[in-house]
Protein backbone atom coordinates (compact mmCIF):
# COMPACT_ATOMS: atom_id res chain seq x y z
CA MET A 1 62.44 -3.45 63.61
CA THR A 2 60.94 -0.17 64.76
CA GLU A 3 59.71 0.51 68.29
CA ASN A 4 56.27 2.03 68.87
CA THR A 5 56.18 4.84 71.07
CA LEU A 6 53.38 6.76 72.66
CA ASN A 7 54.26 10.33 73.91
CA ARG A 8 52.33 11.87 76.75
CA ARG A 9 50.51 14.33 74.56
CA ARG A 10 49.12 11.62 72.26
CA LEU A 11 48.20 9.55 75.37
CA VAL A 12 46.21 12.45 76.80
CA VAL A 13 44.34 13.24 73.51
CA SER A 14 43.57 9.50 73.01
CA GLY A 15 42.35 9.03 76.61
CA THR A 16 40.31 12.15 76.52
CA ALA A 17 38.53 11.19 73.18
CA ALA A 18 37.67 7.93 74.73
CA MET A 19 36.38 9.50 77.91
CA ALA A 20 34.41 12.06 76.01
CA ALA A 21 32.79 9.22 73.98
CA LEU A 22 31.90 7.09 76.99
CA GLY A 23 30.52 10.18 78.55
CA LEU A 24 28.16 10.95 75.58
CA MET A 25 26.60 7.37 75.44
CA THR A 26 22.80 7.68 75.89
CA LYS A 27 20.41 5.19 77.38
CA ALA A 28 19.63 3.81 73.96
CA GLY A 29 23.45 2.93 73.50
CA SER A 30 24.24 5.26 70.88
CA ALA A 31 26.71 8.17 71.09
CA THR A 32 26.29 11.85 70.36
CA ALA A 33 28.90 13.16 68.06
CA ILE A 34 31.47 15.65 69.42
CA GLN A 35 32.19 18.59 67.04
CA SER A 36 35.20 19.99 68.77
CA GLY A 37 37.03 20.58 72.00
CA SER A 38 39.98 22.18 73.91
CA GLY A 39 41.84 21.60 76.93
CA ILE A 40 44.94 21.99 78.92
CA ALA A 41 47.21 19.38 80.42
CA GLY A 42 50.46 19.41 82.41
CA GLY A 43 52.17 18.99 85.71
CA GLY A 44 55.12 19.87 87.66
CA SER A 45 56.18 21.91 90.88
CA VAL A 46 55.19 25.16 92.21
CA GLU A 47 56.27 27.25 95.35
CA ALA A 48 53.88 26.90 98.16
CA ASN A 49 54.12 27.87 101.90
CA GLY A 50 57.79 28.35 101.50
CA GLY A 51 58.37 24.90 100.10
CA PRO A 52 57.65 22.59 97.06
CA ALA A 53 54.20 21.40 95.92
CA GLU A 54 53.58 19.07 93.00
CA PHE A 55 50.70 19.17 90.77
CA SER A 56 49.14 17.45 87.72
CA VAL A 57 46.24 18.93 85.82
CA PHE A 58 44.00 18.12 82.88
CA GLY A 59 40.89 20.13 81.96
CA ALA A 60 38.79 20.02 78.74
CA HIS A 61 35.40 20.89 77.27
CA PHE A 62 33.69 19.27 74.24
CA GLN A 63 31.23 20.88 72.03
CA LEU A 64 28.50 18.54 70.68
CA GLU A 65 27.16 18.55 67.29
CA SER A 66 23.52 18.35 68.74
CA GLY A 67 24.00 21.75 70.38
CA GLU A 68 23.53 20.36 73.78
CA ALA A 69 25.49 21.80 76.76
CA PRO A 70 29.22 21.06 76.47
CA LEU A 71 30.77 18.06 78.31
CA PHE A 72 33.53 18.86 80.83
CA ALA A 73 36.26 16.50 81.71
CA GLY A 74 39.42 16.76 83.82
CA SER A 75 41.40 15.94 86.77
CA LEU A 76 43.47 17.73 89.43
CA SER A 77 46.01 16.29 91.81
CA TYR A 78 47.94 18.53 94.17
CA LEU A 79 50.42 17.77 96.90
CA ASP A 80 51.70 20.60 99.20
CA VAL A 81 54.74 18.86 100.75
CA THR A 82 55.30 21.61 103.31
CA GLY A 83 51.80 22.07 104.33
CA LYS A 84 51.30 18.21 104.22
CA MET A 85 48.06 18.66 102.35
CA THR A 86 46.56 16.69 99.18
CA ILE A 87 43.97 18.06 97.02
CA ALA A 88 42.23 15.72 94.57
CA SER A 89 39.37 16.56 92.20
CA THR A 90 36.41 14.28 92.29
CA SER A 91 34.36 16.14 89.52
CA ILE A 92 34.81 18.85 87.03
CA THR A 93 31.93 21.25 86.71
CA ALA A 94 33.45 23.84 84.30
CA PHE A 95 36.31 24.49 81.90
CA GLY A 96 37.19 27.63 79.65
CA ALA A 97 39.06 30.54 78.72
CA VAL A 98 39.28 33.33 81.31
CA GLU A 99 37.48 36.55 79.98
CA GLY A 100 40.14 39.47 80.11
CA ALA A 101 43.19 37.29 80.72
CA GLU A 102 45.88 36.07 78.18
CA ALA A 103 44.73 33.92 75.40
CA THR A 104 46.50 30.91 76.79
CA THR A 105 44.68 31.19 80.22
CA ARG A 106 42.13 28.61 81.27
CA GLN A 107 40.00 28.04 84.33
CA VAL A 108 39.17 24.54 85.61
CA SER A 109 36.44 24.36 88.37
CA GLY A 110 34.98 21.48 90.32
CA ILE A 111 34.79 19.67 93.63
CA ALA A 112 37.71 18.13 95.41
CA THR A 113 38.77 16.33 98.53
CA VAL A 114 41.32 17.71 100.92
CA ASN A 115 43.55 15.04 102.57
CA GLY A 116 40.88 12.57 101.24
CA GLU A 117 37.98 14.11 102.97
CA GLY A 118 35.18 16.57 102.28
CA ALA A 119 33.66 18.13 99.19
CA TYR A 120 35.33 21.39 98.62
CA PRO A 121 34.70 23.55 95.70
CA PHE A 122 37.78 24.68 93.81
CA ASP A 123 38.86 27.08 91.08
CA LEU A 124 42.13 26.58 89.26
CA VAL A 125 43.44 29.06 86.78
CA VAL A 126 46.58 28.06 84.63
CA SER A 127 48.31 29.65 81.98
CA ASP A 128 50.59 28.22 79.18
CA GLY A 129 53.40 30.79 79.19
CA GLY A 130 55.61 29.06 76.72
CA ALA A 131 58.08 26.31 76.18
CA ILE A 132 59.17 23.96 78.81
CA GLY A 133 61.72 25.38 81.21
CA THR A 134 60.91 29.22 80.60
CA GLY A 135 59.34 29.58 83.96
CA LEU A 136 56.33 31.49 82.58
CA ASP A 137 53.57 28.82 83.00
CA VAL A 138 51.28 30.11 85.83
CA PHE A 139 49.32 28.00 88.57
CA GLN A 140 46.67 29.58 90.72
CA LEU A 141 44.60 27.31 92.97
CA ALA A 142 41.71 28.32 95.48
CA VAL A 143 39.87 25.68 97.59
CA GLY A 144 36.83 26.76 99.54
CA ALA A 145 34.46 25.50 102.16
CA ASP A 146 32.24 22.60 101.75
CA GLY A 147 28.98 24.28 101.87
CA ALA A 148 28.17 22.64 105.22
CA THR A 149 29.96 25.61 106.98
CA GLU A 150 29.41 29.35 106.85
CA VAL A 151 33.04 30.07 105.65
CA THR A 152 32.85 31.69 102.25
CA GLU A 153 36.50 32.67 101.99
CA ALA A 154 38.90 29.97 100.30
CA THR A 155 40.53 27.77 102.72
CA TYR A 156 43.65 27.31 100.84
CA GLU A 157 45.17 29.54 97.94
CA ILE A 158 48.34 29.51 96.10
CA GLN A 159 49.68 31.39 93.14
CA SER A 160 53.11 30.49 91.71
CA ASN A 161 54.85 30.19 88.54
CA VAL A 162 55.57 26.58 87.49
CA GLN A 163 59.07 25.92 88.71
CA SER A 164 59.67 22.70 86.84
CA GLY A 165 57.35 20.99 84.49
CA ASN A 166 54.95 22.36 81.75
CA LEU A 167 51.31 23.36 81.04
CA GLN A 168 50.16 22.87 77.34
CA LEU A 169 46.99 23.91 75.50
CA ILE A 170 45.33 21.12 73.59
CA ASP A 171 42.88 21.44 70.70
CA PHE A 172 40.72 18.41 69.83
CA VAL A 173 39.24 18.07 66.25
CA PHE A 174 36.88 15.16 65.75
CA ASP A 175 35.01 13.75 62.71
CA SER A 176 31.88 11.76 63.16
CA ALA A 177 33.67 8.48 62.77
CA ASP A 178 35.71 9.12 65.97
CA VAL A 179 32.80 8.89 68.35
CA SER A 180 29.63 8.24 66.57
CA GLY A 181 29.63 4.41 67.04
CA ASP A 182 30.87 3.59 63.38
CA ALA A 183 33.81 1.59 64.81
CA SER A 184 33.60 -2.15 65.00
CA PRO A 185 32.39 -3.57 68.32
CA THR A 186 35.20 -6.11 68.13
CA PRO A 187 39.04 -5.78 68.09
CA ALA A 188 39.19 -7.98 64.89
CA GLY A 189 36.92 -5.52 63.13
């Protein structure tokens, strides 16, 4: 008997496709087909404030066959152990390649809470530098003011190579059967 396994990459791709499909449901109950998409996913530890910090990140954008504006999806979780600070995204407002940077560099932007409070804009720039353990992946996070204050400078910044863990680029290729509603509404099919 063979054991079914689901690796993390397959899980992320499957979950992302499902999220995108749900996000595209219209009021009429039909879905808009996704043409393609790309993303980055990973997690690990970085050096922050002289100590460790842990993160997990996922960011993606999806191009729609209808030509509408792309759909953004993602999540950021960050824990600065030394600084006793948590940052968690509440929404993703943009994702894409960074102009003038390495081809494997992506930017994720959105709104996050800090220690479970507020609504702070953030910009995360991450780069897939190669295989796991090479130490070439890069993590750069800036979290700003909540808009209710006059502070325009980032209130928290970190830039570090990923000490342990990995960042990996993902390409999504869809055919219309994946999200267009052609699937059976019941598990039995």
